[in-house]
Amino acid sequence: VHEPCQQCRGARAGDGQAGRGAAGEMAVGRGGERGLCPRQRGVALVAGFAVFALRLGDVPNSLWGDEGGCVTLARDVANGHVTPDFFGLGTYGYPMAGSIYQSIWLGLFGANVWAWRLGSVVAALAAILPLYFLVRATLGRRVAWISIALYAVSPYLLTYARMGYNNAQSITVVVVTMALTWLAVRRDSRLYAFLAGCAGGLGFFTHTSARFGFVLALGWLLWEWITHRARGRSLLMTGGVVLLGVLLVGGPAVAYGVSRYPVAFGDKQAETLFNNVFYARDLYPDEALTASFGLIRVGSQDLFYEPGLYATLLARGIVRTSLSFHTASLVSENYLVGALAEPLGILYLLGLGWCLVRVRRPNYAMWPAWFLVGAFVLSATATFPPRAALMLPIVPALAVLGALGLTLIIDWLAGYVGGISNRVKLFALASAVAVLGLAGLRTYFVDMPERFPPDLDNAIFWQAQQLLRGSDITLIQPDGFPDDYVPWGLRELDLGVNFHLIKPGALTTIDLHSVCANTCRFFFAANLSGQVLPLLQQAFGNGSLVEYPDVGGSVQTYEFKPVINGQ
């Protein structure tokens, strides 16, 4: 995205003059600044990877609900047990290409949780460099550095970058599409426009929210035309070439899905629309939904046509989505704790306001459009808003606006105090970023595990991953558990650990050493501790006891580790 100084200045000649002072200088974009050298690029990527991959196999120490279905498909593809249909549909109707991508990491590093999550980590990490170059071209190098730092420590991003879902795959698609679109306009290049369209077309091969990339690119081109920042004929050709790239890359996937899987394909497109009856029925009776027109069948989903209710549903979606950035109670799924904007607070609102005041300038207009349009299209118009998982592609814009807001505060304080050198301002910025970073990391690595402790199934699975092959894990059967129960992870992944299920009444009639010939663990529910623990201690000595509390802090499960051969 970096352009030579003279060319960059010429391209921005129509952008107008920024305000006076340090903040105004920063906001011009400073296109002639020297970009990242290879060493700096490496440092940025290594630092990002260090954050994303820290304790990747341990935090969170559970798999979230339907994540298991995604794991098993990628595992079967990696093992060659399933021949994937590249243009077809995978788990829950998402494109198969996303599962193929995940299978690559399982094939390289084995079918384990760490390898599964690594695919999402790399997908989120891949957005760092194009994001840096795009922000530097529009808002300057200082804001660019802060942006990628805030991006990397966002608890919102870390949640999905470390889960293994395909949501994280959408971020790089959107960032690269916008970076190439910016280049296409600034250099009046049809090649970059075509590449931007191709990048946007990749959204049809991964999570559906990635399709927001080419929608945003076309909307931004339209704004360039409205504000007369480029020639209308040139923008029209650029937009046409972008569309051509989208059609050439994404068109085959759409055509194949419509012809081969019409019901499943239509179902996936309609299930998240705000006028889906399974969402609206939570708020209105069926009579109100069908008063003007009958239901419209799309795939297996039913949509309703009632314009009088649309405004109410959209207004509700806008309000709830807006509050989700500041209210933790609205977003508690998928290991999310705190509000979506944490640790930025209101910093992003300052950056948003600064950009909106200068919205006629394209380098400013991009970021509020990215954030506001993304929140509206991906969440406010969706079922059951706010939809944090769908809004993930707006995290880069949220980080950029927060970085801009932080820079503006430091510049304003420096101007108010007077006599503050650039070195002092840089130190203040670095200190503020460090504080925000620590707050974000604490939210994810400390607060989140306390909010989402593992249940019994995941507790056994995570312990099994730590044991050597040939070890034994025994569960004293809790009330309500079927006689053929086996933890999901031990059933689906080859850990080489033997699992035994014993009824509480059988403890006095069997030789416990027969299920503990070598390394072993015993799990039992807290209400069975008085019955089970004395028998285990009688057989193996005191051993050690690990508690697994629930969200309220009450112990729900115990793990007993016998001492065998001094170990």
Foldseek 3Di string as FASTA:
>chain_A
DQDAPVLLCVLLVPLDAFDDFDLRVQQSLPSNDDDDDPVRVVVLLVVLLCLLLPPLCVFPLFAADPVLQLLLVLCCVLVVVDDDDQLAAGPLRAACLLSVLLNVQCNVVNSGLSSLLVSLLVLLSLLLVLLLVLCSRQRRNQLSVQLSLCLSLQLLSSLRSSRNAQLSNLQNLQSQLQSLLVVCQSVLDLVSLLVSLLSLLCCSRTDVLSVVRLVLSLVLLVLCVVLVSDDPVSSVSSNVSSPVNNCVRNVVSVVCCCVPPQLSNQCVVPQWFLQWVVQCVVPDPPCQQPVPHDWDDGRNTTGGDDVVCVVVLLVVQVVQLVCQQQDQVLDPPSLDGGGSLPPLHCLLVQLLVVLVVSCSRSSSVSLNCLQVVLQSVQASRTGSPPDSSSSVNNSSSSSSSSSSSLLVVLRVVCVVVDPDDPVNSVVVSVVVSVVRSVRSSCCRVPVSCLQAFDDPLSVVLSVLQVDAAPEEEEEADDPPDDPPDDRPNVVSGPSNYHYYYHHLVCLVVDQPCVRGVDWYKYKYFPVCCVSPVVSVCVNANNADKDFGAHSVRHTTMIMGGGQDPND
